[in-house]
Structures are given as structure tokens and as C-alpha cells.
Amino acid sequence: MNPFFEFVSHNWWLVFPLSGLAGGWARSWSRASERRHRRRVELYRLKNHAAEVEQASQAEILRLQEAHDAVNQRWLEYELDIGKLIDFPVMSDVREPLTVAFLRAKREADGLRPADPREITTAARLAEYRAAVRSFELAFDVAEREARRIKDSNFSVPERQRLETARKLLRIASDSAATSAERQIAYKRARRELDGLIVLPEATIAALEEKIAGMLNAPKAPDFHQS
């Protein structure tokens, strides 16, 4: 008889404990496999979650930059339009606390703005930029509302008359129907009227002078009435 079968026939009772051991081993292997599967599923979930968070963060950064650009554009409308600054002089008056507050908020937001959205890699850095943009929006809204409320009421009657004179002169300086000499004289007189009343930003002066220079250098339309 085969030694193995002879052993089994004499020690048949060992089948039961060995079966128990085999069953225990099988259950342990099954539990270990299940744990490995759960770990793989969790790692996969975490990787996908991290990718989704990164995509969401990039989208938020882009939205914040758009909001940032929108407020900068609103401010630029004052800087490039001297008429608006005359109508709402508080927007350029650095003696006004609200104006100082929004200019400070602008500098902070501009300083924290990333050149590339991918530069922001942490939640803390994103929160910092988000707070700066929100503060800039709020500070500008408050300053603009105040400027529109008080208009030129901070000025005396003679000063308001000078502002009105400057408005009229600037309309002449920007009038294509006026002669070049009239436009130049009007611009110089307007600057004198505003001197000491409103500090014009360099961008405002540059935009106005560029506009006037463009009009002065523009070719004249031919006069078809000449013989």
C-alpha cells in the first residue's frame, strides 16, 4: 500500500484538525485579499479626489483673477477718463481714507496675484489670494459709492466753478472740430484750473495727451468745396 494512504488510514482522525487549519488559512487569505482590495480602492479614490480638488482650485483661481481684472478695469475707467475724475474727485484724492483703503487693497491683491494659476499650490495660498481679491472688491465699492455720493461737495464754490471751467475746456481740447491751436490752449488752461484741486494720475495725463496728440496729428479731410 502506498505509504501516504497507509498513514491516512491509521491517522484518519487528523483530517478534522487539518481541515480546520486549512479553513482558517483560507479565511485569513480571503480577509487579507479583501484588505488589499480596500486599500487599492481607497488609494484610487484619494488620487481621484486630489485630482478633482486640484481642478476645482485652478477653476477658482481663474474666477478670482477674472474678479480681480474686473475691479482693475473699473478703476482704470477713472484713471483714463479725466472727466470722470473731475466729476468724482474723491477717487483720486489720497487724503480720503476710503480712497487710501482701496488703493492699499489693490496693491495687496496685485502683489498676491499669481502670474500662472499653477503657482498657487496650497489651500493657504489660495485663501490668501481669495481674501485679497474680496477685500479689493469691497474697498473699491465703498470708495466709489462715497465718491458718487459727495461728488464735488468737498470743494468751495469758487473751486467748483474752476472744476466746471476745466470740464468745458477739456471738451474743447477733445473736440475734433476745434483747431489745433484751440485744443492746445484749452488743454493748458484746463491743467491750470485743476492745479491744486485734483492730483491727476500719470496714466490720466498720458491718456489725455495721447488722445489730443492723435487728434492734432490726424490727417485733415480734403475740402471738396475748394475750387
Protein backbone atom coordinates (compact mmCIF):
# COMPACT_ATOMS: atom_id res chain seq x y z
CA MET A 1 0.00 0.00 0.00
CA ASN A 2 1.15 3.48 -0.70
CA PRO A 3 2.78 4.89 2.46
CA PHE A 4 0.64 8.04 2.26
CA PHE A 5 -2.64 6.16 2.16
CA GLU A 6 -1.38 3.82 4.89
CA PHE A 7 -0.62 6.86 7.03
CA VAL A 8 -4.02 8.33 6.35
CA SER A 9 -5.83 5.06 7.12
CA HIS A 10 -4.10 4.85 10.50
CA ASN A 11 -4.41 8.57 11.31
CA TRP A 12 -7.76 9.44 9.79
CA TRP A 13 -8.69 11.50 12.80
CA LEU A 14 -6.15 14.14 11.74
CA VAL A 15 -8.41 15.11 8.85
CA PHE A 16 -10.63 17.19 11.14
CA PRO A 17 -7.96 19.46 12.72
CA LEU A 18 -6.18 19.76 9.37
CA SER A 19 -9.45 20.77 7.74
CA GLY A 20 -9.90 23.41 10.41
CA LEU A 21 -6.40 24.73 9.80
CA ALA A 22 -6.99 24.82 6.06
CA GLY A 23 -10.28 26.62 6.54
CA GLY A 24 -8.64 29.14 8.87
CA TRP A 25 -5.86 29.74 6.42
CA ALA A 26 -8.37 30.21 3.60
CA ARG A 27 -10.36 32.70 5.66
CA SER A 28 -7.18 34.60 6.61
CA TRP A 29 -6.12 34.74 2.97
CA SER A 30 -9.59 35.95 2.00
CA ARG A 31 -9.54 38.70 4.64
CA ALA A 32 -6.03 39.76 3.59
CA SER A 33 -7.15 39.91 -0.04
CA GLU A 34 -10.17 41.96 0.96
CA ARG A 35 -7.96 44.38 2.91
CA ARG A 36 -5.62 44.76 -0.08
CA HIS A 37 -8.61 45.44 -2.31
CA ARG A 38 -9.98 48.04 0.07
CA ARG A 39 -6.56 49.75 0.21
CA ARG A 40 -6.37 49.84 -3.59
CA VAL A 41 -9.89 51.27 -3.80
CA GLU A 42 -9.07 53.90 -1.15
CA LEU A 43 -5.84 54.90 -2.88
CA TYR A 44 -7.70 55.20 -6.17
CA ARG A 45 -10.39 57.30 -4.52
CA LEU A 46 -7.83 59.56 -2.85
CA LYS A 47 -5.96 60.09 -6.12
CA ASN A 48 -9.18 60.94 -7.93
CA HIS A 49 -10.25 63.26 -5.10
CA ALA A 50 -6.86 65.02 -5.19
CA ALA A 51 -7.19 65.48 -8.96
CA GLU A 52 -10.72 66.87 -8.56
CA VAL A 53 -9.59 69.26 -5.80
CA GLU A 54 -6.71 70.47 -7.97
CA GLN A 55 -9.04 71.07 -10.92
CA ALA A 56 -11.52 72.88 -8.67
CA SER A 57 -8.73 75.04 -7.22
CA GLN A 58 -7.47 76.00 -10.66
CA ALA A 59 -11.00 76.94 -11.69
CA GLU A 60 -11.43 79.08 -8.58
CA ILE A 61 -8.09 80.82 -9.18
CA LEU A 62 -9.21 81.70 -12.70
CA ARG A 63 -12.52 83.05 -11.35
CA LEU A 64 -10.65 85.13 -8.77
CA GLN A 65 -8.37 86.54 -11.45
CA GLU A 66 -11.41 87.49 -13.53
CA ALA A 67 -12.95 89.24 -10.50
CA HIS A 68 -9.59 90.95 -9.87
CA ASP A 69 -9.44 92.12 -13.50
CA ALA A 70 -13.00 93.43 -13.31
CA VAL A 71 -12.20 95.74 -10.37
CA ASN A 72 -8.96 96.88 -12.00
CA GLN A 73 -10.94 97.72 -15.13
CA ARG A 74 -13.41 99.78 -13.10
CA TRP A 75 -10.53 101.73 -11.56
CA LEU A 76 -8.88 102.13 -14.98
CA GLU A 77 -12.03 103.84 -16.24
CA TYR A 78 -11.32 106.64 -13.75
CA GLU A 79 -7.60 106.76 -14.48
CA LEU A 80 -8.11 107.06 -18.23
CA ASP A 81 -11.08 109.43 -18.14
CA ILE A 82 -10.23 112.83 -16.74
CA GLY A 83 -13.89 113.82 -16.98
CA LYS A 84 -14.81 111.07 -14.53
CA LEU A 85 -12.10 112.20 -12.12
CA ILE A 86 -13.44 115.75 -12.25
CA ASP A 87 -16.98 114.51 -11.64
CA PHE A 88 -15.89 112.23 -8.77
CA PRO A 89 -12.65 113.75 -7.44
CA VAL A 90 -12.58 111.62 -4.29
CA MET A 91 -11.44 108.67 -6.43
CA SER A 92 -8.04 110.34 -6.90
CA ASP A 93 -7.79 112.11 -3.53
CA VAL A 94 -5.23 110.26 -1.42
CA ARG A 95 -6.24 112.36 1.57
CA GLU A 96 -9.53 110.45 1.69
CA PRO A 97 -9.32 107.38 3.98
CA LEU A 98 -11.64 105.33 1.75
CA THR A 99 -9.51 106.08 -1.29
CA VAL A 100 -6.35 105.13 0.59
CA ALA A 101 -8.03 101.92 1.76
CA PHE A 102 -8.96 100.76 -1.72
CA LEU A 103 -5.54 101.67 -3.16
CA ARG A 104 -3.90 99.67 -0.36
CA ALA A 105 -6.24 96.73 -1.05
CA LYS A 106 -5.39 96.98 -4.75
CA ARG A 107 -1.65 96.80 -4.05
CA GLU A 108 -2.14 93.77 -1.84
CA ALA A 109 -4.30 91.93 -4.38
CA ASP A 110 -1.91 92.81 -7.22
CA GLY A 111 1.02 91.56 -5.15
CA LEU A 112 -0.63 88.22 -4.37
CA ARG A 113 -1.91 87.61 -7.90
CA PRO A 114 -0.11 84.63 -9.48
CA ALA A 115 1.38 85.05 -12.95
CA ASP A 116 0.23 81.48 -13.60
CA PRO A 117 -2.67 79.81 -11.70
CA ARG A 118 -0.43 76.75 -11.20
CA GLU A 119 1.81 78.83 -8.94
CA ILE A 120 -0.79 78.53 -6.17
CA THR A 121 -0.25 75.03 -4.80
CA THR A 122 -1.62 75.20 -1.24
CA ALA A 123 -5.03 75.88 0.26
CA ALA A 124 -3.50 78.57 2.49
CA ARG A 125 -2.05 80.44 -0.50
CA LEU A 126 -5.39 80.22 -2.33
CA ALA A 127 -7.25 81.50 0.73
CA GLU A 128 -4.82 84.43 0.98
CA TYR A 129 -5.39 85.48 -2.63
CA ARG A 130 -9.15 84.97 -2.30
CA ALA A 131 -9.29 87.23 0.75
CA ALA A 132 -7.19 89.90 -1.00
CA VAL A 133 -9.46 89.97 -4.06
CA ARG A 134 -12.60 90.14 -1.91
CA SER A 135 -11.12 92.98 0.14
CA PHE A 136 -10.20 94.85 -3.04
CA GLU A 137 -13.74 94.46 -4.41
CA LEU A 138 -15.31 95.65 -1.17
CA ALA A 139 -12.92 98.58 -0.65
CA PHE A 140 -13.45 99.81 -4.20
CA ASP A 141 -17.24 99.52 -3.94
CA VAL A 142 -17.25 101.54 -0.72
CA ALA A 143 -14.93 104.24 -2.11
CA GLU A 144 -16.90 104.51 -5.35
CA ARG A 145 -20.24 104.80 -3.57
CA GLU A 146 -18.85 107.55 -1.37
CA ALA A 147 -17.33 109.37 -4.34
CA ARG A 148 -20.64 109.29 -6.19
CA ARG A 149 -22.49 110.44 -3.08
CA ILE A 150 -20.44 113.51 -2.33
CA LYS A 151 -19.24 114.33 -5.87
CA ASP A 152 -17.52 117.74 -5.61
CA SER A 153 -19.22 118.87 -2.38
CA ASN A 154 -15.85 118.92 -0.57
CA PHE A 155 -14.85 121.93 -2.66
CA SER A 156 -15.78 125.55 -2.08
CA VAL A 157 -17.99 127.43 -4.52
CA PRO A 158 -15.01 129.08 -6.31
CA GLU A 159 -13.28 125.70 -6.55
CA ARG A 160 -16.39 124.08 -8.03
CA GLN A 161 -16.50 126.89 -10.58
CA ARG A 162 -12.91 126.10 -11.53
CA LEU A 163 -13.81 122.42 -11.91
CA GLU A 164 -16.71 123.34 -14.18
CA THR A 165 -14.42 125.57 -16.25
CA ALA A 166 -11.94 122.71 -16.55
CA ARG A 167 -14.73 120.40 -17.77
CA LYS A 168 -15.65 122.84 -20.55
CA LEU A 169 -12.03 123.38 -21.56
CA LEU A 170 -11.37 119.65 -21.73
CA ARG A 171 -14.39 119.22 -24.00
CA ILE A 172 -12.82 121.79 -26.33
CA ALA A 173 -9.42 120.06 -26.07
CA SER A 174 -11.04 116.80 -27.15
CA ASP A 175 -13.22 118.32 -29.85
CA SER A 176 -12.12 117.30 -33.33
CA ALA A 177 -13.98 120.30 -34.73
CA ALA A 178 -11.70 122.73 -32.85
CA THR A 179 -8.44 123.92 -34.39
CA SER A 180 -5.16 122.54 -33.12
CA ALA A 181 -4.36 125.89 -31.51
CA GLU A 182 -7.74 125.94 -29.74
CA ARG A 183 -7.26 122.43 -28.43
CA GLN A 184 -3.75 123.12 -27.15
CA ILE A 185 -4.79 126.35 -25.43
CA ALA A 186 -7.85 124.69 -23.90
CA TYR A 187 -5.77 121.78 -22.57
CA LYS A 188 -3.19 124.10 -20.96
CA ARG A 189 -5.90 126.24 -19.37
CA ALA A 190 -7.69 123.14 -18.06
CA ARG A 191 -4.49 121.93 -16.42
CA ARG A 192 -4.10 125.33 -14.73
CA GLU A 193 -7.71 125.26 -13.48
CA LEU A 194 -7.19 121.79 -11.97
CA ASP A 195 -3.83 122.64 -10.42
CA GLY A 196 -4.16 122.45 -6.65
CA LEU A 197 -7.64 120.92 -6.83
CA ILE A 198 -7.13 117.45 -8.25
CA VAL A 199 -3.92 115.47 -8.47
CA LEU A 200 -4.19 113.75 -11.83
CA PRO A 201 -2.60 110.29 -12.04
CA GLU A 202 0.17 109.98 -14.62
CA ALA A 203 -1.93 107.46 -16.55
CA THR A 204 -4.75 110.03 -16.81
CA ILE A 205 -2.45 112.74 -18.16
CA ALA A 206 -0.77 110.34 -20.58
CA ALA A 207 -4.10 109.08 -21.93
CA LEU A 208 -5.45 112.61 -22.42
CA GLU A 209 -2.27 113.94 -24.05
CA GLU A 210 -2.09 110.90 -26.33
CA LYS A 211 -5.69 111.48 -27.39
CA ILE A 212 -5.06 115.17 -28.09
CA ALA A 213 -1.78 114.46 -29.87
CA GLY A 214 -3.52 111.87 -32.04
CA MET A 215 -6.17 114.40 -32.99
CA LEU A 216 -3.55 117.07 -33.77
CA ASN A 217 -1.55 114.68 -35.97
CA ALA A 218 -4.57 113.19 -37.73
CA PRO A 219 -4.69 113.96 -41.46
CA LYS A 220 -7.25 116.57 -42.38
CA ALA A 221 -10.14 115.55 -44.54
CA PRO A 222 -9.98 117.05 -48.02
CA ASP A 223 -12.10 120.11 -48.57
CA PHE A 224 -14.18 119.38 -51.67
CA HIS A 225 -15.65 122.87 -51.65
CA GLN A 226 -12.35 124.47 -52.67
CA SER A 227 -12.09 125.26 -56.33
